[in-house]
Amino acid sequence: VHLVESGGGLVQPGESLTLSCTGSGFVFRTEGMSWYRQAPGKERERVALISSGGGMTEYAGFAKGRFTVSRDNDKKLVFLQMNNLKPEDTAVYYCYALTRGVWGQGTQVTVSS
């Protein structure tokens, strides 16, 4: 089981970024997926989750209205679209397979002017 995130980078406040996570080694369409993040010196926190079929999503309070989680099961991808980014969104973002308990390696998002 392998998860690989991509799409991180350095952006200015107010800009947008879309993260991707691809999964392999398991039946992707049967797995609920989550995005987490961890800022320096802070605990890892959940950002969003999406059900296996994509019909159910949940968001942390800070993500509601700014972030959107989606997935493409045919391509074995899950996305996190992040709009109106703020400096406090700076963190390493991870995807996580809910049932299998597997983490990706993370992708760094830095929001700074």
PDB file of N, CA and C in Angstrom:
ATOM      1  N   VAL A   1       0.858  -1.185   0.000  1.00  0.00           N
ATOM      2  CA  VAL A   1       0.000   0.000   0.000  1.00  0.00           C
ATOM      3  C   VAL A   1       0.889   1.227   0.000  1.00  0.00           C
ATOM      4  N   HIS A   2       0.595   2.135  -0.899  1.00  0.00           N
ATOM      5  CA  HIS A   2       1.473   3.280  -1.082  1.00  0.00           C
ATOM      6  C   HIS A   2       0.636   4.501  -1.437  1.00  0.00           C
ATOM      7  N   LEU A   3       0.921   5.607  -0.730  1.00  0.00           N
ATOM      8  CA  LEU A   3       0.263   6.867  -1.020  1.00  0.00           C
ATOM      9  C   LEU A   3       1.327   7.915  -1.310  1.00  0.00           C
ATOM     10  N   VAL A   4       1.110   8.716  -2.333  1.00  0.00           N
ATOM     11  CA  VAL A   4       2.074   9.752  -2.695  1.00  0.00           C
ATOM     12  C   VAL A   4       1.328  11.053  -2.938  1.00  0.00           C
ATOM     13  N   GLU A   5       1.695  12.079  -2.145  1.00  0.00           N
ATOM     14  CA  GLU A   5       1.108  13.404  -2.308  1.00  0.00           C
ATOM     15  C   GLU A   5       1.960  14.247  -3.246  1.00  0.00           C
ATOM     16  N   SER A   6       1.320  15.209  -3.874  1.00  0.00           N
ATOM     17  CA  SER A   6       2.026  16.174  -4.711  1.00  0.00           C
ATOM     18  C   SER A   6       1.226  17.460  -4.762  1.00  0.00           C
ATOM     19  N   GLY A   7       1.859  18.509  -5.265  1.00  0.00           N
ATOM     20  CA  GLY A   7       1.163  19.758  -5.477  1.00  0.00           C
ATOM     21  C   GLY A   7       1.462  20.844  -4.475  1.00  0.00           C
ATOM     22  N   GLY A   8       2.253  20.537  -3.469  1.00  0.00           N
ATOM     23  CA  GLY A   8       2.600  21.564  -2.498  1.00  0.00           C
ATOM     24  C   GLY A   8       3.515  22.615  -3.092  1.00  0.00           C
ATOM     25  N   GLY A   9       3.724  23.671  -2.335  1.00  0.00           N
ATOM     26  CA  GLY A   9       4.613  24.720  -2.807  1.00  0.00           C
ATOM     27  C   GLY A   9       4.499  25.969  -1.976  1.00  0.00           C
ATOM     28  N   LEU A  10       5.099  27.036  -2.473  1.00  0.00           N
ATOM     29  CA  LEU A  10       5.083  28.339  -1.820  1.00  0.00           C
ATOM     30  C   LEU A  10       4.100  29.244  -2.550  1.00  0.00           C
ATOM     31  N   VAL A  11       3.130  29.755  -1.811  1.00  0.00           N
ATOM     32  CA  VAL A  11       2.156  30.669  -2.382  1.00  0.00           C
ATOM     33  C   VAL A  11       2.000  31.874  -1.468  1.00  0.00           C
ATOM     34  N   GLN A  12       1.416  32.925  -2.029  1.00  0.00           N
ATOM     35  CA  GLN A  12       1.151  34.128  -1.241  1.00  0.00           C
ATOM     36  C   GLN A  12      -0.230  34.033  -0.593  1.00  0.00           C
ATOM     37  N   PRO A  13      -0.432  34.761   0.480  1.00  0.00           N
ATOM     38  CA  PRO A  13      -1.761  34.791   1.103  1.00  0.00           C
ATOM     39  C   PRO A  13      -2.837  35.167   0.094  1.00  0.00           C
ATOM     40  N   GLY A  14      -3.962  34.460   0.178  1.00  0.00           N
ATOM     41  CA  GLY A  14      -5.062  34.702  -0.732  1.00  0.00           C
ATOM     42  C   GLY A  14      -5.043  33.852  -1.978  1.00  0.00           C
ATOM     43  N   GLU A  15      -3.928  33.224  -2.257  1.00  0.00           N
ATOM     44  CA  GLU A  15      -3.818  32.387  -3.446  1.00  0.00           C
ATOM     45  C   GLU A  15      -4.381  30.982  -3.196  1.00  0.00           C
ATOM     46  N   SER A  16      -4.420  30.196  -4.256  1.00  0.00           N
ATOM     47  CA  SER A  16      -4.984  28.846  -4.198  1.00  0.00           C
ATOM     48  C   SER A  16      -3.929  27.812  -4.547  1.00  0.00           C
ATOM     49  N   LEU A  17      -4.211  26.605  -4.104  1.00  0.00           N
ATOM     50  CA  LEU A  17      -3.322  25.478  -4.374  1.00  0.00           C
ATOM     51  C   LEU A  17      -4.169  24.214  -4.352  1.00  0.00           C
ATOM     52  N   THR A  18      -3.855  23.278  -5.230  1.00  0.00           N
ATOM     53  CA  THR A  18      -4.553  21.992  -5.218  1.00  0.00           C
ATOM     54  C   THR A  18      -3.547  20.869  -4.999  1.00  0.00           C
ATOM     55  N   LEU A  19      -3.769  20.100  -3.967  1.00  0.00           N
ATOM     56  CA  LEU A  19      -2.934  18.947  -3.660  1.00  0.00           C
ATOM     57  C   LEU A  19      -3.559  17.690  -4.259  1.00  0.00           C
ATOM     58  N   SER A  20      -2.711  16.757  -4.628  1.00  0.00           N
ATOM     59  CA  SER A  20      -3.170  15.469  -5.146  1.00  0.00           C
ATOM     60  C   SER A  20      -2.528  14.347  -4.343  1.00  0.00           C
ATOM     61  N   CYS A  21      -3.231  13.238  -4.277  1.00  0.00           N
ATOM     62  CA  CYS A  21      -2.690  12.049  -3.616  1.00  0.00           C
ATOM     63  C   CYS A  21      -3.089  10.847  -4.457  1.00  0.00           C
ATOM     64  N   THR A  22      -2.124  10.074  -4.836  1.00  0.00           N
ATOM     65  CA  THR A  22      -2.403   8.875  -5.600  1.00  0.00           C
ATOM     66  C   THR A  22      -2.127   7.644  -4.748  1.00  0.00           C
ATOM     67  N   GLY A  23      -2.970   6.644  -4.898  1.00  0.00           N
ATOM     68  CA  GLY A  23      -2.832   5.434  -4.110  1.00  0.00           C
ATOM     69  C   GLY A  23      -2.567   4.226  -4.980  1.00  0.00           C
ATOM     70  N   SER A  24      -1.816   3.289  -4.452  1.00  0.00           N
ATOM     71  CA  SER A  24      -1.539   2.046  -5.163  1.00  0.00           C
ATOM     72  C   SER A  24      -1.414   0.911  -4.162  1.00  0.00           C
ATOM     73  N   GLY A  25      -1.595  -0.303  -4.646  1.00  0.00           N
ATOM     74  CA  GLY A  25      -1.449  -1.465  -3.784  1.00  0.00           C
ATOM     75  C   GLY A  25      -2.702  -1.852  -3.031  1.00  0.00           C
ATOM     76  N   PHE A  26      -3.798  -1.183  -3.320  1.00  0.00           N
ATOM     77  CA  PHE A  26      -5.064  -1.526  -2.697  1.00  0.00           C
ATOM     78  C   PHE A  26      -6.192  -1.090  -3.632  1.00  0.00           C
ATOM     79  N   VAL A  27      -7.404  -1.531  -3.286  1.00  0.00           N
ATOM     80  CA  VAL A  27      -8.554  -1.170  -4.119  1.00  0.00           C
ATOM     81  C   VAL A  27      -8.995   0.234  -3.717  1.00  0.00           C
ATOM     82  N   PHE A  28      -8.524   1.204  -4.464  1.00  0.00           N
ATOM     83  CA  PHE A  28      -8.668   2.614  -4.082  1.00  0.00           C
ATOM     84  C   PHE A  28     -10.127   3.003  -3.882  1.00  0.00           C
ATOM     85  N   ARG A  29     -11.001   2.493  -4.746  1.00  0.00           N
ATOM     86  CA  ARG A  29     -12.387   2.947  -4.703  1.00  0.00           C
ATOM     87  C   ARG A  29     -13.144   2.451  -3.482  1.00  0.00           C
ATOM     88  N   THR A  30     -12.568   1.562  -2.722  1.00  0.00           N
ATOM     89  CA  THR A  30     -13.245   1.058  -1.527  1.00  0.00           C
ATOM     90  C   THR A  30     -12.743   1.726  -0.250  1.00  0.00           C
ATOM     91  N   GLU A  31     -11.807   2.644  -0.386  1.00  0.00           N
ATOM     92  CA  GLU A  31     -11.134   3.215   0.778  1.00  0.00           C
ATOM     93  C   GLU A  31     -11.556   4.659   1.013  1.00  0.00           C
ATOM     94  N   GLY A  32     -12.078   4.942   2.209  1.00  0.00           N
ATOM     95  CA  GLY A  32     -12.253   6.332   2.591  1.00  0.00           C
ATOM     96  C   GLY A  32     -10.893   6.985   2.770  1.00  0.00           C
ATOM     97  N   MET A  33     -10.798   8.253   2.438  1.00  0.00           N
ATOM     98  CA  MET A  33      -9.510   8.947   2.473  1.00  0.00           C
ATOM     99  C   MET A  33      -9.627  10.253   3.253  1.00  0.00           C
ATOM    100  N   SER A  34      -8.542  10.625   3.883  1.00  0.00           N
ATOM    101  CA  SER A  34      -8.490  11.886   4.622  1.00  0.00           C
ATOM    102  C   SER A  34      -7.262  12.684   4.229  1.00  0.00           C
ATOM    103  N   TRP A  35      -7.361  13.981   4.428  1.00  0.00           N
ATOM    104  CA  TRP A  35      -6.204  14.876   4.393  1.00  0.00           C
ATOM    105  C   TRP A  35      -5.951  15.365   5.815  1.00  0.00           C
ATOM    106  N   TYR A  36      -4.706  15.342   6.203  1.00  0.00           N
ATOM    107  CA  TYR A  36      -4.264  15.879   7.489  1.00  0.00           C
ATOM    108  C   TYR A  36      -3.169  16.910   7.213  1.00  0.00           C
ATOM    109  N   ARG A  37      -2.865  17.674   8.229  1.00  0.00           N
ATOM    110  CA  ARG A  37      -1.729  18.591   8.130  1.00  0.00           C
ATOM    111  C   ARG A  37      -1.029  18.687   9.477  1.00  0.00           C
ATOM    112  N   GLN A  38       0.231  19.038   9.416  1.00  0.00           N
ATOM    113  CA  GLN A  38       1.009  19.223  10.635  1.00  0.00           C
ATOM    114  C   GLN A  38       1.929  20.418  10.460  1.00  0.00           C
ATOM    115  N   ALA A  39       1.686  21.415  11.280  1.00  0.00           N
ATOM    116  CA  ALA A  39       2.526  22.611  11.281  1.00  0.00           C
ATOM    117  C   ALA A  39       3.676  22.410  12.264  1.00  0.00           C
ATOM    118  N   PRO A  40       4.773  23.140  12.089  1.00  0.00           N
ATOM    119  CA  PRO A  40       5.915  22.994  12.997  1.00  0.00           C
ATOM    120  C   PRO A  40       5.506  23.219  14.448  1.00  0.00           C
ATOM    121  N   GLY A  41       5.868  22.286  15.292  1.00  0.00           N
ATOM    122  CA  GLY A  41       5.590  22.409  16.714  1.00  0.00           C
ATOM    123  C   GLY A  41       4.160  22.117  17.119  1.00  0.00           C
ATOM    124  N   LYS A  42       3.355  21.671  16.158  1.00  0.00           N
ATOM    125  CA  LYS A  42       1.948  21.386  16.450  1.00  0.00           C
ATOM    126  C   LYS A  42       1.622  19.934  16.134  1.00  0.00           C
ATOM    127  N   GLU A  43       0.525  19.479  16.700  1.00  0.00           N
ATOM    128  CA  GLU A  43       0.081  18.122  16.428  1.00  0.00           C
ATOM    129  C   GLU A  43      -0.558  18.032  15.035  1.00  0.00           C
ATOM    130  N   ARG A  44      -0.520  16.830  14.506  1.00  0.00           N
ATOM    131  CA  ARG A  44      -1.170  16.601  13.234  1.00  0.00           C
ATOM    132  C   ARG A  44      -2.686  16.726  13.418  1.00  0.00           C
ATOM    133  N   GLU A  45      -3.348  17.403  12.487  1.00  0.00           N
ATOM    134  CA  GLU A  45      -4.780  17.600  12.589  1.00  0.00           C
ATOM    135  C   GLU A  45      -5.451  17.240  11.265  1.00  0.00           C
ATOM    136  N   ARG A  46      -6.680  16.755  11.406  1.00  0.00           N
ATOM    137  CA  ARG A  46      -7.409  16.390  10.197  1.00  0.00           C
ATOM    138  C   ARG A  46      -7.949  17.641   9.520  1.00  0.00           C
ATOM    139  N   VAL A  47      -7.841  17.654   8.208  1.00  0.00           N
ATOM    140  CA  VAL A  47      -8.332  18.768   7.411  1.00  0.00           C
ATOM    141  C   VAL A  47      -9.694  18.427   6.809  1.00  0.00           C
ATOM    142  N   ALA A  48      -9.765  17.236   6.197  1.00  0.00           N
ATOM    143  CA  ALA A  48     -10.989  16.836   5.509  1.00  0.00           C
ATOM    144  C   ALA A  48     -10.974  15.340   5.309  1.00  0.00           C
ATOM    145  N   LEU A  49     -12.155  14.787   5.119  1.00  0.00           N
ATOM    146  CA  LEU A  49     -12.233  13.392   4.734  1.00  0.00           C
ATOM    147  C   LEU A  49     -13.295  13.224   3.668  1.00  0.00           C
ATOM    148  N   ILE A  50     -13.158  12.144   2.920  1.00  0.00           N
ATOM    149  CA  ILE A  50     -14.103  11.852   1.850  1.00  0.00           C
ATOM    150  C   ILE A  50     -14.360  10.351   1.849  1.00  0.00           C
ATOM    151  N   SER A  51     -15.617   9.995   1.675  1.00  0.00           N
ATOM    152  CA  SER A  51     -15.986   8.588   1.671  1.00  0.00           C
ATOM    153  C   SER A  51     -15.455   7.892   0.421  1.00  0.00           C
ATOM    154  N   SER A  52     -15.545   6.589   0.419  1.00  0.00           N
ATOM    155  CA  SER A  52     -14.962   5.816  -0.679  1.00  0.00           C
ATOM    156  C   SER A  52     -15.568   6.189  -2.031  1.00  0.00           C
ATOM    157  N   GLY A  53     -16.856   6.457  -2.038  1.00  0.00           N
ATOM    158  CA  GLY A  53     -17.515   6.798  -3.288  1.00  0.00           C
ATOM    159  C   GLY A  53     -17.536   8.290  -3.576  1.00  0.00           C
ATOM    160  N   GLY A  54     -17.110   9.066  -2.605  1.00  0.00           N
ATOM    161  CA  GLY A  54     -17.058  10.511  -2.785  1.00  0.00           C
ATOM    162  C   GLY A  54     -18.333  11.241  -2.409  1.00  0.00           C
ATOM    163  N   GLY A  55     -19.344  10.490  -1.988  1.00  0.00           N
ATOM    164  CA  GLY A  55     -20.619  11.132  -1.718  1.00  0.00           C
ATOM    165  C   GLY A  55     -20.716  11.833  -0.385  1.00  0.00           C
ATOM    166  N   MET A  56     -19.780  11.567   0.510  1.00  0.00           N
ATOM    167  CA  MET A  56     -19.785  12.188   1.829  1.00  0.00           C
ATOM    168  C   MET A  56     -18.438  12.827   2.104  1.00  0.00           C
ATOM    169  N   THR A  57     -18.492  14.066   2.555  1.00  0.00           N
ATOM    170  CA  THR A  57     -17.264  14.770   2.917  1.00  0.00           C
ATOM    171  C   THR A  57     -17.453  15.453   4.270  1.00  0.00           C
ATOM    172  N   GLU A  58     -16.360  15.641   4.957  1.00  0.00           N
ATOM    173  CA  GLU A  58     -16.361  16.375   6.219  1.00  0.00           C
ATOM    174  C   GLU A  58     -15.129  17.275   6.252  1.00  0.00           C
ATOM    175  N   TYR A  59     -15.275  18.408   6.943  1.00  0.00           N
ATOM    176  CA  TYR A  59     -14.187  19.374   6.988  1.00  0.00           C
ATOM    177  C   TYR A  59     -13.967  19.859   8.403  1.00  0.00           C
ATOM    178  N   ALA A  60     -12.727  20.143   8.710  1.00  0.00           N
ATOM    179  CA  ALA A  60     -12.419  20.846   9.942  1.00  0.00           C
ATOM    180  C   ALA A  60     -12.947  22.268   9.820  1.00  0.00           C
ATOM    181  N   GLY A  61     -13.173  22.873  10.970  1.00  0.00           N
ATOM    182  CA  GLY A  61     -13.739  24.215  10.977  1.00  0.00           C
ATOM    183  C   GLY A  61     -12.948  25.214  10.152  1.00  0.00           C
ATOM    184  N   PHE A  62     -11.619  25.150  10.245  1.00  0.00           N
ATOM    185  CA  PHE A  62     -10.790  26.111   9.525  1.00  0.00           C
ATOM    186  C   PHE A  62     -10.830  25.889   8.017  1.00  0.00           C
ATOM    187  N   ALA A  63     -11.269  24.695   7.591  1.00  0.00           N
ATOM    188  CA  ALA A  63     -11.278  24.362   6.170  1.00  0.00           C
ATOM    189  C   ALA A  63     -12.627  24.655   5.497  1.00  0.00           C
ATOM    190  N   LYS A  64     -13.661  24.743   6.286  1.00  0.00           N
ATOM    191  CA  LYS A  64     -14.993  24.948   5.710  1.00  0.00           C
ATOM    192  C   LYS A  64     -15.072  26.259   4.944  1.00  0.00           C
ATOM    193  N   GLY A  65     -15.571  26.160   3.732  1.00  0.00           N
ATOM    194  CA  GLY A  65     -15.723  27.343   2.901  1.00  0.00           C
ATOM    195  C   GLY A  65     -14.490  27.725   2.113  1.00  0.00           C
ATOM    196  N   ARG A  66     -13.329  27.137   2.457  1.00  0.00           N
ATOM    197  CA  ARG A  66     -12.096  27.465   1.728  1.00  0.00           C
ATOM    198  C   ARG A  66     -11.498  26.243   1.025  1.00  0.00           C
ATOM    199  N   PHE A  67     -11.644  25.074   1.620  1.00  0.00           N
ATOM    200  CA  PHE A  67     -11.042  23.858   1.084  1.00  0.00           C
ATOM    201  C   PHE A  67     -12.130  22.937   0.552  1.00  0.00           C
ATOM    202  N   THR A  68     -11.797  22.192  -0.493  1.00  0.00           N
ATOM    203  CA  THR A  68     -12.711  21.209  -1.062  1.00  0.00           C
ATOM    204  C   THR A  68     -11.957  19.911  -1.326  1.00  0.00           C
ATOM    205  N   VAL A  69     -12.479  18.818  -0.783  1.00  0.00           N
ATOM    206  CA  VAL A  69     -11.891  17.495  -1.025  1.00  0.00           C
ATOM    207  C   VAL A  69     -12.726  16.784  -2.085  1.00  0.00           C
ATOM    208  N   SER A  70     -12.042  16.114  -2.985  1.00  0.00           N
ATOM    209  CA  SER A  70     -12.723  15.364  -4.045  1.00  0.00           C
ATOM    210  C   SER A  70     -11.851  14.176  -4.430  1.00  0.00           C
ATOM    211  N   ARG A  71     -12.415  13.322  -5.250  1.00  0.00           N
ATOM    212  CA  ARG A  71     -11.628  12.153  -5.671  1.00  0.00           C
ATOM    213  C   ARG A  71     -12.055  11.704  -7.051  1.00  0.00           C
ATOM    214  N   ASP A  72     -11.133  11.021  -7.709  1.00  0.00           N
ATOM    215  CA  ASP A  72     -11.380  10.397  -9.004  1.00  0.00           C
ATOM    216  C   ASP A  72     -10.946   8.936  -8.858  1.00  0.00           C
ATOM    217  N   ASN A  73     -11.902   8.070  -8.640  1.00  0.00           N
ATOM    218  CA  ASN A  73     -11.568   6.670  -8.366  1.00  0.00           C
ATOM    219  C   ASN A  73     -11.012   5.955  -9.591  1.00  0.00           C
ATOM    220  N   ASP A  74     -11.397   6.397 -10.762  1.00  0.00           N
ATOM    221  CA  ASP A  74     -10.855   5.767 -11.971  1.00  0.00           C
ATOM    222  C   ASP A  74      -9.353   6.019 -12.081  1.00  0.00           C
ATOM    223  N   LYS A  75      -8.937   7.201 -11.651  1.00  0.00           N
ATOM    224  CA  LYS A  75      -7.513   7.552 -11.715  1.00  0.00           C
ATOM    225  C   LYS A  75      -6.796   7.328 -10.396  1.00  0.00           C
ATOM    226  N   LYS A  76      -7.530   6.837  -9.396  1.00  0.00           N
ATOM    227  CA  LYS A  76      -6.948   6.555  -8.073  1.00  0.00           C
ATOM    228  C   LYS A  76      -6.315   7.808  -7.476  1.00  0.00           C
ATOM    229  N   LEU A  77      -7.060   8.887  -7.519  1.00  0.00           N
ATOM    230  CA  LEU A  77      -6.579  10.163  -7.020  1.00  0.00           C
ATOM    231  C   LEU A  77      -7.572  10.769  -6.045  1.00  0.00           C
ATOM    232  N   VAL A  78      -7.048  11.417  -5.033  1.00  0.00           N
ATOM    233  CA  VAL A  78      -7.848  12.253  -4.164  1.00  0.00           C
ATOM    234  C   VAL A  78      -7.201  13.643  -4.144  1.00  0.00           C
ATOM    235  N   PHE A  79      -8.037  14.667  -4.120  1.00  0.00           N
ATOM    236  CA  PHE A  79      -7.569  16.041  -4.253  1.00  0.00           C
ATOM    237  C   PHE A  79      -7.966  16.862  -3.021  1.00  0.00           C
ATOM    238  N   LEU A  80      -7.202  17.892  -2.780  1.00  0.00           N
ATOM    239  CA  LEU A  80      -7.573  18.898  -1.796  1.00  0.00           C
ATOM    240  C   LEU A  80      -7.343  20.258  -2.440  1.00  0.00           C
ATOM    241  N   GLN A  81      -8.438  20.901  -2.817  1.00  0.00           N
ATOM    242  CA  GLN A  81      -8.351  22.242  -3.375  1.00  0.00           C
ATOM    243  C   GLN A  81      -8.427  23.240  -2.236  1.00  0.00           C
ATOM    244  N   MET A  82      -7.456  24.114  -2.161  1.00  0.00           N
ATOM    245  CA  MET A  82      -7.361  25.080  -1.071  1.00  0.00           C
ATOM    246  C   MET A  82      -7.386  26.483  -1.643  1.00  0.00           C
ATOM    247  N   ASN A  83      -8.371  27.254  -1.243  1.00  0.00           N
ATOM    248  CA  ASN A  83      -8.525  28.625  -1.710  1.00  0.00           C
ATOM    249  C   ASN A  83      -8.293  29.606  -0.564  1.00  0.00           C
ATOM    250  N   ASN A  84      -8.006  30.827  -0.928  1.00  0.00           N
ATOM    251  CA  ASN A  84      -7.818  31.901   0.057  1.00  0.00           C
ATOM    252  C   ASN A  84      -6.867  31.443   1.174  1.00  0.00           C
ATOM    253  N   LEU A  85      -5.733  30.966   0.768  1.00  0.00           N
ATOM    254  CA  LEU A  85      -4.781  30.436   1.741  1.00  0.00           C
ATOM    255  C   LEU A  85      -4.249  31.521   2.662  1.00  0.00           C
ATOM    256  N   LYS A  86      -3.997  31.136   3.896  1.00  0.00           N
ATOM    257  CA  LYS A  86      -3.512  32.043   4.927  1.00  0.00           C
ATOM    258  C   LYS A  86      -2.175  31.540   5.455  1.00  0.00           C
ATOM    259  N   PRO A  87      -1.394  32.423   6.040  1.00  0.00           N
ATOM    260  CA  PRO A  87      -0.104  31.984   6.595  1.00  0.00           C
ATOM    261  C   PRO A  87      -0.258  30.836   7.583  1.00  0.00           C
ATOM    262  N   GLU A  88      -1.344  30.815   8.317  1.00  0.00           N
ATOM    263  CA  GLU A  88      -1.556  29.742   9.295  1.00  0.00           C
ATOM    264  C   GLU A  88      -1.886  28.398   8.650  1.00  0.00           C
ATOM    265  N   ASP A  89      -2.068  28.370   7.339  1.00  0.00           N
ATOM    266  CA  ASP A  89      -2.243  27.107   6.629  1.00  0.00           C
ATOM    267  C   ASP A  89      -0.906  26.444   6.308  1.00  0.00           C
ATOM    268  N   THR A  90       0.170  27.128   6.597  1.00  0.00           N
ATOM    269  CA  THR A  90       1.496  26.559   6.353  1.00  0.00           C
ATOM    270  C   THR A  90       1.685  25.290   7.168  1.00  0.00           C
ATOM    271  N   ALA A  91       1.997  24.201   6.495  1.00  0.00           N
ATOM    272  CA  ALA A  91       2.125  22.902   7.144  1.00  0.00           C
ATOM    273  C   ALA A  91       2.559  21.866   6.113  1.00  0.00           C
ATOM    274  N   VAL A  92       2.893  20.705   6.606  1.00  0.00           N
ATOM    275  CA  VAL A  92       3.045  19.545   5.743  1.00  0.00           C
ATOM    276  C   VAL A  92       1.681  18.865   5.678  1.00  0.00           C
ATOM    277  N   TYR A  93       1.225  18.624   4.466  1.00  0.00           N
ATOM    278  CA  TYR A  93      -0.090  18.028   4.256  1.00  0.00           C
ATOM    279  C   TYR A  93       0.078  16.556   3.857  1.00  0.00           C
ATOM    280  N   TYR A  94      -0.710  15.718   4.516  1.00  0.00           N
ATOM    281  CA  TYR A  94      -0.622  14.272   4.310  1.00  0.00           C
ATOM    282  C   TYR A  94      -1.974  13.719   3.874  1.00  0.00           C
ATOM    283  N   CYS A  95      -1.947  12.717   3.031  1.00  0.00           N
ATOM    284  CA  CYS A  95      -3.172  11.957   2.813  1.00  0.00           C
ATOM    285  C   CYS A  95      -3.071  10.654   3.599  1.00  0.00           C
ATOM    286  N   TYR A  96      -4.241  10.117   3.906  1.00  0.00           N
ATOM    287  CA  TYR A  96      -4.327   8.991   4.832  1.00  0.00           C
ATOM    288  C   TYR A  96      -5.449   8.075   4.396  1.00  0.00           C
ATOM    289  N   ALA A  97      -5.151   6.790   4.290  1.00  0.00           N
ATOM    290  CA  ALA A  97      -6.164   5.801   3.957  1.00  0.00           C
ATOM    291  C   ALA A  97      -6.826   5.335   5.248  1.00  0.00           C
ATOM    292  N   LEU A  98      -8.101   5.606   5.382  1.00  0.00           N
ATOM    293  CA  LEU A  98      -8.794   5.457   6.657  1.00  0.00           C
ATOM    294  C   LEU A  98      -8.812   4.031   7.190  1.00  0.00           C
ATOM    295  N   THR A  99      -9.117   3.080   6.361  1.00  0.00           N
ATOM    296  CA  THR A  99      -9.246   1.708   6.840  1.00  0.00           C
ATOM    297  C   THR A  99      -7.886   1.045   7.012  1.00  0.00           C
ATOM    298  N   ARG A 100      -7.005   1.288   6.075  1.00  0.00           N
ATOM    299  CA  ARG A 100      -5.701   0.633   6.108  1.00  0.00           C
ATOM    300  C   ARG A 100      -4.705   1.335   7.011  1.00  0.00           C
ATOM    301  N   GLY A 101      -5.025   2.548   7.412  1.00  0.00           N
ATOM    302  CA  GLY A 101      -4.136   3.252   8.324  1.00  0.00           C
ATOM    303  C   GLY A 101      -2.780   3.567   7.745  1.00  0.00           C
ATOM    304  N   VAL A 102      -2.757   3.939   6.473  1.00  0.00           N
ATOM    305  CA  VAL A 102      -1.500   4.220   5.791  1.00  0.00           C
ATOM    306  C   VAL A 102      -1.400   5.710   5.479  1.00  0.00           C
ATOM    307  N   TRP A 103      -0.202   6.262   5.714  1.00  0.00           N
ATOM    308  CA  TRP A 103       0.070   7.675   5.447  1.00  0.00           C
ATOM    309  C   TRP A 103       0.939   7.830   4.211  1.00  0.00           C
ATOM    310  N   GLY A 104       0.747   8.944   3.520  1.00  0.00           N
ATOM    311  CA  GLY A 104       1.704   9.333   2.514  1.00  0.00           C
ATOM    312  C   GLY A 104       2.899  10.009   3.166  1.00  0.00           C
ATOM    313  N   GLN A 105       3.842  10.436   2.345  1.00  0.00           N
ATOM    314  CA  GLN A 105       5.071  11.046   2.871  1.00  0.00           C
ATOM    315  C   GLN A 105       4.898  12.533   3.164  1.00  0.00           C
ATOM    316  N   GLY A 106       3.827  13.116   2.657  1.00  0.00           N
ATOM    317  CA  GLY A 106       3.547  14.517   2.909  1.00  0.00           C
ATOM    318  C   GLY A 106       4.069  15.437   1.826  1.00  0.00           C
ATOM    319  N   THR A 107       3.427  16.585   1.715  1.00  0.00           N
ATOM    320  CA  THR A 107       3.870  17.628   0.788  1.00  0.00           C
ATOM    321  C   THR A 107       3.788  18.967   1.511  1.00  0.00           C
ATOM    322  N   GLN A 108       4.828  19.760   1.381  1.00  0.00           N
ATOM    323  CA  GLN A 108       4.922  21.023   2.120  1.00  0.00           C
ATOM    324  C   GLN A 108       4.124  22.121   1.429  1.00  0.00           C
ATOM    325  N   VAL A 109       3.312  22.795   2.217  1.00  0.00           N
ATOM    326  CA  VAL A 109       2.601  23.986   1.758  1.00  0.00           C
ATOM    327  C   VAL A 109       3.064  25.150   2.614  1.00  0.00           C
ATOM    328  N   THR A 110       3.555  26.185   1.967  1.00  0.00           N
ATOM    329  CA  THR A 110       4.011  27.375   2.662  1.00  0.00           C
ATOM    330  C   THR A 110       3.270  28.578   2.108  1.00  0.00           C
ATOM    331  N   VAL A 111       2.637  29.311   3.004  1.00  0.00           N
ATOM    332  CA  VAL A 111       1.888  30.499   2.611  1.00  0.00           C
ATOM    333  C   VAL A 111       2.588  31.700   3.239  1.00  0.00           C
ATOM    334  N   SER A 112       3.173  32.514   2.390  1.00  0.00           N
ATOM    335  CA  SER A 112       3.969  33.627   2.890  1.00  0.00           C
ATOM    336  C   SER A 112       4.063  34.709   1.827  1.00  0.00           C
ATOM    337  N   SER A 113       4.089  35.943   2.285  1.00  0.00           N
ATOM    338  CA  SER A 113       4.286  37.054   1.367  1.00  0.00           C
ATOM    339  C   SER A 113       5.760  37.409   1.259  1.00  0.00           C
TER     340      SER A 113
END
